[in-house]
All heavy atoms as atom14 arrays in JSON, in Angstrom:
{
  "sequence": "DDEDEFAEHQVQYGYPADVIATAQQTCDWLVRAVSTDEPFLTVYKTYL",
  "atom14_mask": [
    [1, 1, 1, 1, 1, 1, 1, 1, 0, 0, 0, 0, 0, 0],
    [1, 1, 1, 1, 1, 1, 1, 1, 0, 0, 0, 0, 0, 0],
    [1, 1, 1, 1, 1, 1, 1, 1, 1, 0, 0, 0, 0, 0],
    [1, 1, 1, 1, 1, 1, 1, 1, 0, 0, 0, 0, 0, 0],
    [1, 1, 1, 1, 1, 1, 1, 1, 1, 0, 0, 0, 0, 0],
    [1, 1, 1, 1, 1, 1, 1, 1, 1, 1, 1, 0, 0, 0],
    [1, 1, 1, 1, 1, 0, 0, 0, 0, 0, 0, 0, 0, 0],
    [1, 1, 1, 1, 1, 1, 1, 1, 1, 0, 0, 0, 0, 0],
    [1, 1, 1, 1, 1, 1, 1, 1, 1, 1, 0, 0, 0, 0],
    [1, 1, 1, 1, 1, 1, 1, 1, 1, 0, 0, 0, 0, 0],
    [1, 1, 1, 1, 1, 1, 1, 0, 0, 0, 0, 0, 0, 0],
    [1, 1, 1, 1, 1, 1, 1, 1, 1, 0, 0, 0, 0, 0],
    [1, 1, 1, 1, 1, 1, 1, 1, 1, 1, 1, 1, 0, 0],
    [1, 1, 1, 1, 0, 0, 0, 0, 0, 0, 0, 0, 0, 0],
    [1, 1, 1, 1, 1, 1, 1, 1, 1, 1, 1, 1, 0, 0],
    [1, 1, 1, 1, 1, 1, 1, 0, 0, 0, 0, 0, 0, 0],
    [1, 1, 1, 1, 1, 0, 0, 0, 0, 0, 0, 0, 0, 0],
    [1, 1, 1, 1, 1, 1, 1, 1, 0, 0, 0, 0, 0, 0],
    [1, 1, 1, 1, 1, 1, 1, 0, 0, 0, 0, 0, 0, 0],
    [1, 1, 1, 1, 1, 1, 1, 1, 0, 0, 0, 0, 0, 0],
    [1, 1, 1, 1, 1, 0, 0, 0, 0, 0, 0, 0, 0, 0],
    [1, 1, 1, 1, 1, 1, 1, 0, 0, 0, 0, 0, 0, 0],
    [1, 1, 1, 1, 1, 0, 0, 0, 0, 0, 0, 0, 0, 0],
    [1, 1, 1, 1, 1, 1, 1, 1, 1, 0, 0, 0, 0, 0],
    [1, 1, 1, 1, 1, 1, 1, 1, 1, 0, 0, 0, 0, 0],
    [1, 1, 1, 1, 1, 1, 1, 0, 0, 0, 0, 0, 0, 0],
    [1, 1, 1, 1, 1, 1, 0, 0, 0, 0, 0, 0, 0, 0],
    [1, 1, 1, 1, 1, 1, 1, 1, 0, 0, 0, 0, 0, 0],
    [1, 1, 1, 1, 1, 1, 1, 1, 1, 1, 1, 1, 1, 1],
    [1, 1, 1, 1, 1, 1, 1, 1, 0, 0, 0, 0, 0, 0],
    [1, 1, 1, 1, 1, 1, 1, 0, 0, 0, 0, 0, 0, 0],
    [1, 1, 1, 1, 1, 1, 1, 1, 1, 1, 1, 0, 0, 0],
    [1, 1, 1, 1, 1, 0, 0, 0, 0, 0, 0, 0, 0, 0],
    [1, 1, 1, 1, 1, 1, 1, 0, 0, 0, 0, 0, 0, 0],
    [1, 1, 1, 1, 1, 1, 0, 0, 0, 0, 0, 0, 0, 0],
    [1, 1, 1, 1, 1, 1, 1, 0, 0, 0, 0, 0, 0, 0],
    [1, 1, 1, 1, 1, 1, 1, 1, 0, 0, 0, 0, 0, 0],
    [1, 1, 1, 1, 1, 1, 1, 1, 1, 0, 0, 0, 0, 0],
    [1, 1, 1, 1, 1, 1, 1, 0, 0, 0, 0, 0, 0, 0],
    [1, 1, 1, 1, 1, 1, 1, 1, 1, 1, 1, 0, 0, 0],
    [1, 1, 1, 1, 1, 1, 1, 1, 0, 0, 0, 0, 0, 0],
    [1, 1, 1, 1, 1, 1, 1, 0, 0, 0, 0, 0, 0, 0],
    [1, 1, 1, 1, 1, 1, 1, 0, 0, 0, 0, 0, 0, 0],
    [1, 1, 1, 1, 1, 1, 1, 1, 1, 1, 1, 1, 0, 0],
    [1, 1, 1, 1, 1, 1, 1, 1, 1, 0, 0, 0, 0, 0],
    [1, 1, 1, 1, 1, 1, 1, 0, 0, 0, 0, 0, 0, 0],
    [1, 1, 1, 1, 1, 1, 1, 1, 1, 1, 1, 1, 0, 0],
    [1, 1, 1, 1, 1, 1, 1, 1, 0, 0, 0, 0, 0, 0]
  ],
  "atom14_positions": [
    [[104.26, 111.73, 82.47], [105.71, 111.53, 82.28], [106.0, 109.95, 82.25], [105.22, 109.19, 82.95], [106.48, 112.21, 83.34], [107.95, 112.33, 82.94], [108.34, 112.26, 81.78], [108.77, 112.56, 83.9], [0.0, 0.0, 0.0], [0.0, 0.0, 0.0], [0.0, 0.0, 0.0], [0.0, 0.0, 0.0], [0.0, 0.0, 0.0], [0.0, 0.0, 0.0]],
    [[107.01, 109.57, 81.62], [107.55, 108.18, 81.6], [106.63, 107.21, 80.97], [106.67, 105.99, 81.26], [107.95, 107.76, 83.04], [109.12, 108.55, 83.61], [109.93, 109.08, 82.79], [109.2, 108.68, 84.84], [0.0, 0.0, 0.0], [0.0, 0.0, 0.0], [0.0, 0.0, 0.0], [0.0, 0.0, 0.0], [0.0, 0.0, 0.0], [0.0, 0.0, 0.0]],
    [[105.89, 107.61, 79.93], [105.11, 106.65, 79.22], [106.04, 105.62, 78.46], [105.63, 104.51, 78.3], [104.14, 107.38, 78.15], [103.08, 108.14, 78.9], [102.18, 108.98, 77.96], [102.68, 109.95, 77.38], [101.02, 108.59, 77.77], [0.0, 0.0, 0.0], [0.0, 0.0, 0.0], [0.0, 0.0, 0.0], [0.0, 0.0, 0.0], [0.0, 0.0, 0.0]],
    [[107.16, 106.13, 78.0], [108.13, 105.27, 77.32], [108.65, 104.21, 78.26], [108.8, 103.02, 77.9], [109.24, 106.09, 76.74], [110.01, 106.96, 77.76], [109.41, 107.31, 78.8], [111.12, 107.35, 77.45], [0.0, 0.0, 0.0], [0.0, 0.0, 0.0], [0.0, 0.0, 0.0], [0.0, 0.0, 0.0], [0.0, 0.0, 0.0], [0.0, 0.0, 0.0]],
    [[108.97, 104.58, 79.49], [109.44, 103.64, 80.54], [108.34, 102.61, 80.82], [108.6, 101.43, 81.0], [109.83, 104.43, 81.75], [110.49, 103.6, 82.84], [110.95, 104.45, 84.01], [111.42, 105.54, 83.84], [110.76, 103.92, 85.14], [0.0, 0.0, 0.0], [0.0, 0.0, 0.0], [0.0, 0.0, 0.0], [0.0, 0.0, 0.0], [0.0, 0.0, 0.0]],
    [[107.08, 103.07, 80.89], [105.95, 102.13, 81.14], [105.88, 101.08, 80.03], [105.71, 99.93, 80.35], [104.63, 102.96, 81.25], [103.44, 102.18, 81.59], [103.37, 101.39, 82.73], [102.36, 102.19, 80.7], [102.14, 100.63, 83.06], [101.16, 101.47, 81.02], [101.08, 100.67, 82.15], [0.0, 0.0, 0.0], [0.0, 0.0, 0.0], [0.0, 0.0, 0.0]],
    [[105.91, 101.54, 78.78], [105.89, 100.55, 77.7], [107.09, 99.66, 77.67], [106.92, 98.41, 77.5], [105.86, 101.33, 76.34], [0.0, 0.0, 0.0], [0.0, 0.0, 0.0], [0.0, 0.0, 0.0], [0.0, 0.0, 0.0], [0.0, 0.0, 0.0], [0.0, 0.0, 0.0], [0.0, 0.0, 0.0], [0.0, 0.0, 0.0], [0.0, 0.0, 0.0]],
    [[108.28, 100.16, 77.98], [109.49, 99.31, 78.01], [109.38, 98.27, 79.16], [109.67, 97.06, 78.94], [110.68, 100.21, 78.26], [111.97, 99.54, 78.32], [113.09, 100.52, 78.61], [113.15, 101.62, 77.89], [113.91, 100.28, 79.5], [0.0, 0.0, 0.0], [0.0, 0.0, 0.0], [0.0, 0.0, 0.0], [0.0, 0.0, 0.0], [0.0, 0.0, 0.0]],
    [[108.87, 98.73, 80.34], [108.83, 97.78, 81.46], [107.72, 96.73, 81.39], [107.82, 95.68, 82.0], [108.75, 98.64, 82.76], [110.06, 99.22, 83.14], [110.14, 100.16, 84.13], [111.3, 99.1, 82.63], [111.39, 100.56, 84.23], [112.12, 99.93, 83.31], [0.0, 0.0, 0.0], [0.0, 0.0, 0.0], [0.0, 0.0, 0.0], [0.0, 0.0, 0.0]],
    [[106.75, 97.05, 80.54], [105.66, 96.05, 80.32], [106.28, 94.74, 79.7], [105.93, 93.67, 80.1], [104.62, 96.59, 79.36], [103.72, 97.65, 80.01], [102.78, 98.21, 78.96], [102.18, 97.48, 78.18], [102.64, 99.56, 78.99], [0.0, 0.0, 0.0], [0.0, 0.0, 0.0], [0.0, 0.0, 0.0], [0.0, 0.0, 0.0], [0.0, 0.0, 0.0]],
    [[107.25, 95.0, 78.87], [107.91, 93.9, 78.18], [109.03, 93.3, 79.12], [109.02, 92.1, 79.31], [108.52, 94.37, 76.81], [109.33, 93.25, 76.19], [107.43, 94.85, 75.91], [0.0, 0.0, 0.0], [0.0, 0.0, 0.0], [0.0, 0.0, 0.0], [0.0, 0.0, 0.0], [0.0, 0.0, 0.0], [0.0, 0.0, 0.0], [0.0, 0.0, 0.0]],
    [[109.86, 94.21, 79.58], [111.03, 93.81, 80.38], [110.57, 92.99, 81.64], [111.15, 91.96, 82.02], [111.8, 95.03, 80.84], [113.1, 94.66, 81.65], [113.84, 95.91, 82.02], [113.64, 97.03, 81.54], [114.81, 95.75, 82.95], [0.0, 0.0, 0.0], [0.0, 0.0, 0.0], [0.0, 0.0, 0.0], [0.0, 0.0, 0.0], [0.0, 0.0, 0.0]],
    [[109.58, 93.5, 82.36], [109.16, 92.85, 83.62], [107.91, 91.92, 83.47], [107.5, 91.28, 84.4], [108.85, 93.91, 84.67], [110.03, 94.74, 85.07], [109.87, 96.11, 85.2], [111.23, 94.19, 85.35], [110.92, 96.94, 85.64], [112.33, 94.98, 85.67], [112.19, 96.37, 85.87], [113.19, 97.13, 86.21], [0.0, 0.0, 0.0], [0.0, 0.0, 0.0]],
    [[107.35, 91.94, 82.26], [106.15, 91.14, 82.01], [104.94, 91.55, 82.83], [104.28, 90.65, 83.49], [0.0, 0.0, 0.0], [0.0, 0.0, 0.0], [0.0, 0.0, 0.0], [0.0, 0.0, 0.0], [0.0, 0.0, 0.0], [0.0, 0.0, 0.0], [0.0, 0.0, 0.0], [0.0, 0.0, 0.0], [0.0, 0.0, 0.0], [0.0, 0.0, 0.0]],
    [[104.64, 92.8, 82.87], [103.46, 93.28, 83.62], [102.22, 92.44, 83.13], [101.96, 92.38, 81.91], [103.19, 94.73, 83.33], [104.1, 95.8, 83.91], [103.99, 97.15, 83.66], [105.19, 95.41, 84.74], [104.88, 98.08, 84.13], [106.07, 96.38, 85.26], [105.91, 97.76, 84.94], [106.75, 98.65, 85.46], [0.0, 0.0, 0.0], [0.0, 0.0, 0.0]],
    [[101.45, 91.99, 84.04], [100.22, 91.29, 83.73], [99.26, 92.29, 83.03], [99.26, 93.51, 83.31], [99.65, 90.81, 85.0], [100.84, 90.76, 85.96], [101.77, 91.91, 85.54], [0.0, 0.0, 0.0], [0.0, 0.0, 0.0], [0.0, 0.0, 0.0], [0.0, 0.0, 0.0], [0.0, 0.0, 0.0], [0.0, 0.0, 0.0], [0.0, 0.0, 0.0]],
    [[98.33, 91.76, 82.23], [97.42, 92.67, 81.5], [96.54, 93.48, 82.43], [96.31, 94.68, 82.21], [96.51, 91.81, 80.58], [0.0, 0.0, 0.0], [0.0, 0.0, 0.0], [0.0, 0.0, 0.0], [0.0, 0.0, 0.0], [0.0, 0.0, 0.0], [0.0, 0.0, 0.0], [0.0, 0.0, 0.0], [0.0, 0.0, 0.0], [0.0, 0.0, 0.0]],
    [[96.08, 92.9, 83.55], [95.23, 93.69, 84.54], [96.04, 94.79, 85.15], [95.51, 95.9, 85.41], [94.6, 92.76, 85.55], [95.61, 92.0, 86.44], [96.73, 91.66, 85.97], [95.3, 91.8, 87.61], [0.0, 0.0, 0.0], [0.0, 0.0, 0.0], [0.0, 0.0, 0.0], [0.0, 0.0, 0.0], [0.0, 0.0, 0.0], [0.0, 0.0, 0.0]],
    [[97.34, 94.58, 85.4], [98.18, 95.67, 85.93], [98.32, 96.8, 85.0], [98.22, 97.98, 85.31], [99.54, 95.13, 86.39], [100.53, 96.24, 86.69], [99.41, 94.19, 87.57], [0.0, 0.0, 0.0], [0.0, 0.0, 0.0], [0.0, 0.0, 0.0], [0.0, 0.0, 0.0], [0.0, 0.0, 0.0], [0.0, 0.0, 0.0], [0.0, 0.0, 0.0]],
    [[98.54, 96.49, 83.73], [98.65, 97.53, 82.68], [97.36, 98.31, 82.56], [97.4, 99.57, 82.55], [99.04, 96.83, 81.31], [100.42, 96.14, 81.41], [98.97, 97.82, 80.16], [100.71, 95.28, 80.22], [0.0, 0.0, 0.0], [0.0, 0.0, 0.0], [0.0, 0.0, 0.0], [0.0, 0.0, 0.0], [0.0, 0.0, 0.0], [0.0, 0.0, 0.0]],
    [[96.28, 97.59, 82.5], [94.94, 98.24, 82.4], [94.7, 99.2, 83.5], [94.22, 100.33, 83.36], [93.83, 97.21, 82.14], [0.0, 0.0, 0.0], [0.0, 0.0, 0.0], [0.0, 0.0, 0.0], [0.0, 0.0, 0.0], [0.0, 0.0, 0.0], [0.0, 0.0, 0.0], [0.0, 0.0, 0.0], [0.0, 0.0, 0.0], [0.0, 0.0, 0.0]],
    [[94.85, 98.71, 84.7], [94.52, 99.48, 85.89], [95.47, 100.7, 86.05], [95.03, 101.71, 86.41], [94.62, 98.61, 87.21], [93.7, 97.48, 87.03], [94.21, 99.38, 88.47], [0.0, 0.0, 0.0], [0.0, 0.0, 0.0], [0.0, 0.0, 0.0], [0.0, 0.0, 0.0], [0.0, 0.0, 0.0], [0.0, 0.0, 0.0], [0.0, 0.0, 0.0]],
    [[96.77, 100.44, 85.74], [97.73, 101.56, 85.76], [97.32, 102.66, 84.8], [97.28, 103.9, 85.11], [99.13, 101.12, 85.51], [0.0, 0.0, 0.0], [0.0, 0.0, 0.0], [0.0, 0.0, 0.0], [0.0, 0.0, 0.0], [0.0, 0.0, 0.0], [0.0, 0.0, 0.0], [0.0, 0.0, 0.0], [0.0, 0.0, 0.0], [0.0, 0.0, 0.0]],
    [[96.91, 102.29, 83.57], [96.53, 103.22, 82.61], [95.26, 103.98, 82.93], [95.11, 105.19, 82.79], [96.37, 102.58, 81.22], [96.25, 103.61, 80.07], [97.45, 104.51, 79.94], [98.58, 104.04, 79.62], [97.26, 105.8, 80.12], [0.0, 0.0, 0.0], [0.0, 0.0, 0.0], [0.0, 0.0, 0.0], [0.0, 0.0, 0.0], [0.0, 0.0, 0.0]],
    [[94.24, 103.19, 83.48], [92.99, 103.82, 83.88], [93.19, 104.85, 85.07], [92.65, 105.95, 85.01], [91.99, 102.76, 84.38], [91.46, 101.9, 83.3], [90.81, 100.6, 83.77], [90.7, 100.38, 85.0], [90.23, 99.83, 82.87], [0.0, 0.0, 0.0], [0.0, 0.0, 0.0], [0.0, 0.0, 0.0], [0.0, 0.0, 0.0], [0.0, 0.0, 0.0]],
    [[94.07, 104.46, 85.96], [94.36, 105.38, 87.13], [95.11, 106.64, 86.58], [94.75, 107.74, 87.03], [95.3, 104.68, 88.14], [94.58, 103.53, 88.59], [95.58, 105.52, 89.35], [0.0, 0.0, 0.0], [0.0, 0.0, 0.0], [0.0, 0.0, 0.0], [0.0, 0.0, 0.0], [0.0, 0.0, 0.0], [0.0, 0.0, 0.0], [0.0, 0.0, 0.0]],
    [[95.97, 106.48, 85.62], [96.73, 107.56, 85.07], [95.7, 108.52, 84.44], [95.73, 109.75, 84.58], [97.79, 107.1, 84.09], [98.77, 108.34, 83.38], [0.0, 0.0, 0.0], [0.0, 0.0, 0.0], [0.0, 0.0, 0.0], [0.0, 0.0, 0.0], [0.0, 0.0, 0.0], [0.0, 0.0, 0.0], [0.0, 0.0, 0.0], [0.0, 0.0, 0.0]],
    [[94.85, 107.98, 83.56], [93.9, 108.8, 82.88], [92.98, 109.55, 83.85], [92.65, 110.73, 83.63], [92.95, 107.89, 81.95], [93.81, 107.27, 80.81], [94.98, 107.68, 80.57], [93.29, 106.34, 80.18], [0.0, 0.0, 0.0], [0.0, 0.0, 0.0], [0.0, 0.0, 0.0], [0.0, 0.0, 0.0], [0.0, 0.0, 0.0], [0.0, 0.0, 0.0]],
    [[92.54, 108.89, 84.88], [91.71, 109.61, 85.93], [92.46, 110.69, 86.58], [91.94, 111.81, 86.81], [91.25, 108.55, 86.95], [90.53, 109.15, 88.14], [89.27, 109.69, 88.16], [91.15, 109.43, 89.41], [89.03, 110.23, 89.44], [90.16, 110.05, 90.21], [92.4, 109.21, 89.92], [90.42, 110.47, 91.48], [92.64, 109.57, 91.24], [91.65, 110.23, 92.03]],
    [[93.75, 110.43, 86.96], [94.48, 111.46, 87.63], [94.79, 112.72, 86.83], [94.82, 113.84, 87.35], [95.87, 110.9, 88.1], [95.85, 110.13, 89.43], [97.2, 109.35, 89.6], [95.68, 111.05, 90.57], [0.0, 0.0, 0.0], [0.0, 0.0, 0.0], [0.0, 0.0, 0.0], [0.0, 0.0, 0.0], [0.0, 0.0, 0.0], [0.0, 0.0, 0.0]],
    [[94.95, 112.52, 85.53], [95.15, 113.68, 84.62], [94.03, 114.69, 84.79], [94.3, 115.9, 84.82], [95.31, 113.22, 83.15], [95.19, 114.45, 82.21], [96.54, 112.48, 82.91], [0.0, 0.0, 0.0], [0.0, 0.0, 0.0], [0.0, 0.0, 0.0], [0.0, 0.0, 0.0], [0.0, 0.0, 0.0], [0.0, 0.0, 0.0], [0.0, 0.0, 0.0]],
    [[92.77, 114.24, 84.96], [91.66, 115.15, 85.21], [91.59, 115.56, 86.67], [91.46, 116.69, 87.03], [90.35, 114.48, 84.82], [90.22, 114.29, 83.31], [88.88, 113.63, 82.97], [88.53, 112.44, 83.7], [88.95, 111.26, 83.43], [89.74, 111.03, 82.39], [88.55, 110.2, 84.16], [0.0, 0.0, 0.0], [0.0, 0.0, 0.0], [0.0, 0.0, 0.0]],
    [[91.71, 114.6, 87.55], [91.51, 114.79, 89.02], [92.44, 115.84, 89.68], [92.02, 116.51, 90.58], [91.51, 113.48, 89.75], [0.0, 0.0, 0.0], [0.0, 0.0, 0.0], [0.0, 0.0, 0.0], [0.0, 0.0, 0.0], [0.0, 0.0, 0.0], [0.0, 0.0, 0.0], [0.0, 0.0, 0.0], [0.0, 0.0, 0.0], [0.0, 0.0, 0.0]],
    [[93.7, 115.87, 89.25], [94.62, 116.78, 89.9], [94.27, 118.23, 89.74], [94.74, 119.09, 90.43], [96.1, 116.57, 89.45], [96.64, 115.2, 89.87], [96.28, 116.77, 87.96], [0.0, 0.0, 0.0], [0.0, 0.0, 0.0], [0.0, 0.0, 0.0], [0.0, 0.0, 0.0], [0.0, 0.0, 0.0], [0.0, 0.0, 0.0], [0.0, 0.0, 0.0]],
    [[93.35, 118.47, 88.76], [92.91, 119.9, 88.54], [91.45, 120.15, 89.01], [91.04, 121.31, 88.98], [93.03, 120.26, 87.09], [94.37, 120.21, 86.66], [0.0, 0.0, 0.0], [0.0, 0.0, 0.0], [0.0, 0.0, 0.0], [0.0, 0.0, 0.0], [0.0, 0.0, 0.0], [0.0, 0.0, 0.0], [0.0, 0.0, 0.0], [0.0, 0.0, 0.0]],
    [[90.72, 119.07, 89.33], [89.33, 119.24, 89.64], [88.83, 118.64, 90.95], [87.72, 119.04, 91.33], [88.44, 118.61, 88.48], [88.77, 117.2, 88.38], [88.78, 119.27, 87.13], [0.0, 0.0, 0.0], [0.0, 0.0, 0.0], [0.0, 0.0, 0.0], [0.0, 0.0, 0.0], [0.0, 0.0, 0.0], [0.0, 0.0, 0.0], [0.0, 0.0, 0.0]],
    [[89.52, 117.77, 91.49], [89.01, 117.02, 92.7], [89.89, 117.16, 93.92], [91.1, 117.33, 93.76], [88.99, 115.55, 92.4], [87.96, 115.13, 91.24], [87.24, 116.04, 90.81], [88.06, 113.99, 90.74], [0.0, 0.0, 0.0], [0.0, 0.0, 0.0], [0.0, 0.0, 0.0], [0.0, 0.0, 0.0], [0.0, 0.0, 0.0], [0.0, 0.0, 0.0]],
    [[89.27, 117.05, 95.07], [90.07, 116.94, 96.33], [90.63, 115.53, 96.39], [90.04, 114.64, 95.78], [89.17, 117.19, 97.52], [88.75, 118.66, 97.69], [89.89, 119.66, 97.99], [91.03, 119.21, 98.04], [89.54, 120.82, 98.1], [0.0, 0.0, 0.0], [0.0, 0.0, 0.0], [0.0, 0.0, 0.0], [0.0, 0.0, 0.0], [0.0, 0.0, 0.0]],
    [[91.75, 115.35, 97.0], [92.49, 116.28, 97.82], [93.47, 117.11, 97.11], [94.39, 117.71, 97.73], [93.19, 115.27, 98.82], [93.56, 114.11, 97.93], [92.31, 114.03, 96.97], [0.0, 0.0, 0.0], [0.0, 0.0, 0.0], [0.0, 0.0, 0.0], [0.0, 0.0, 0.0], [0.0, 0.0, 0.0], [0.0, 0.0, 0.0], [0.0, 0.0, 0.0]],
    [[93.36, 117.22, 95.76], [94.38, 117.85, 94.98], [94.2, 119.38, 94.89], [95.04, 120.05, 94.36], [94.35, 117.27, 93.51], [94.54, 115.82, 93.51], [93.44, 114.92, 93.3], [95.76, 115.24, 93.78], [93.59, 113.56, 93.26], [95.93, 113.82, 93.73], [94.85, 112.97, 93.5], [0.0, 0.0, 0.0], [0.0, 0.0, 0.0], [0.0, 0.0, 0.0]],
    [[93.08, 119.89, 95.42], [92.83, 121.36, 95.36], [93.25, 122.08, 96.61], [94.07, 123.03, 96.52], [91.36, 121.57, 95.05], [90.89, 120.9, 93.75], [89.36, 121.07, 93.61], [91.63, 121.43, 92.52], [0.0, 0.0, 0.0], [0.0, 0.0, 0.0], [0.0, 0.0, 0.0], [0.0, 0.0, 0.0], [0.0, 0.0, 0.0], [0.0, 0.0, 0.0]],
    [[92.73, 121.75, 97.75], [93.04, 122.51, 98.94], [93.36, 121.59, 100.19], [94.06, 122.0, 101.11], [91.85, 123.4, 99.37], [90.68, 122.58, 99.67], [91.59, 124.4, 98.28], [0.0, 0.0, 0.0], [0.0, 0.0, 0.0], [0.0, 0.0, 0.0], [0.0, 0.0, 0.0], [0.0, 0.0, 0.0], [0.0, 0.0, 0.0], [0.0, 0.0, 0.0]],
    [[92.88, 120.31, 100.21], [93.06, 119.51, 101.41], [94.57, 119.36, 101.77], [94.92, 119.47, 102.89], [92.42, 118.11, 101.19], [92.81, 117.12, 102.27], [90.92, 118.26, 101.13], [0.0, 0.0, 0.0], [0.0, 0.0, 0.0], [0.0, 0.0, 0.0], [0.0, 0.0, 0.0], [0.0, 0.0, 0.0], [0.0, 0.0, 0.0], [0.0, 0.0, 0.0]],
    [[95.42, 119.17, 100.79], [96.8, 118.88, 101.04], [97.48, 120.1, 101.72], [98.49, 119.92, 102.44], [97.58, 118.51, 99.78], [97.79, 119.64, 98.73], [98.96, 120.42, 98.97], [96.93, 119.99, 97.79], [99.18, 121.46, 98.01], [97.08, 121.01, 96.91], [98.27, 121.74, 97.05], [98.51, 122.8, 96.2], [0.0, 0.0, 0.0], [0.0, 0.0, 0.0]],
    [[96.93, 121.29, 101.54], [97.6, 122.47, 102.13], [97.53, 122.47, 103.63], [98.44, 122.95, 104.3], [96.89, 123.74, 101.57], [97.15, 123.9, 100.09], [96.47, 125.07, 99.48], [96.66, 125.14, 98.01], [95.92, 126.19, 97.35], [0.0, 0.0, 0.0], [0.0, 0.0, 0.0], [0.0, 0.0, 0.0], [0.0, 0.0, 0.0], [0.0, 0.0, 0.0]],
    [[96.53, 121.84, 104.21], [96.49, 121.71, 105.69], [97.66, 120.87, 106.21], [98.2, 121.13, 107.22], [95.17, 120.95, 106.06], [94.04, 121.64, 105.52], [94.99, 120.83, 107.5], [0.0, 0.0, 0.0], [0.0, 0.0, 0.0], [0.0, 0.0, 0.0], [0.0, 0.0, 0.0], [0.0, 0.0, 0.0], [0.0, 0.0, 0.0], [0.0, 0.0, 0.0]],
    [[98.02, 119.8, 105.43], [99.13, 118.97, 105.83], [100.45, 119.66, 105.61], [101.39, 119.5, 106.37], [98.98, 117.6, 105.08], [97.76, 116.82, 105.6], [96.65, 116.79, 104.82], [97.81, 116.16, 106.81], [95.52, 116.14, 105.3], [96.7, 115.43, 107.26], [95.57, 115.45, 106.5], [94.47, 114.84, 106.93], [0.0, 0.0, 0.0], [0.0, 0.0, 0.0]],
    [[100.57, 120.36, 104.51], [101.78, 121.23, 104.31], [102.04, 122.18, 105.48], [103.15, 122.34, 105.93], [101.73, 121.95, 103.0], [102.34, 121.33, 101.77], [102.08, 122.19, 100.54], [103.82, 121.04, 101.94], [0.0, 0.0, 0.0], [0.0, 0.0, 0.0], [0.0, 0.0, 0.0], [0.0, 0.0, 0.0], [0.0, 0.0, 0.0], [0.0, 0.0, 0.0]]
  ]
}
């Protein structure tokens, strides 16, 4: 969500290139990880 806001704020706030790249890499990783990796599967349930 909010890919449009990310693109807009890159210009508005002048995000540095390394911030943009790391944010996008983290996003891409999370898209997979939330369905396949801990703590996204069961670990969090202990805290709930």
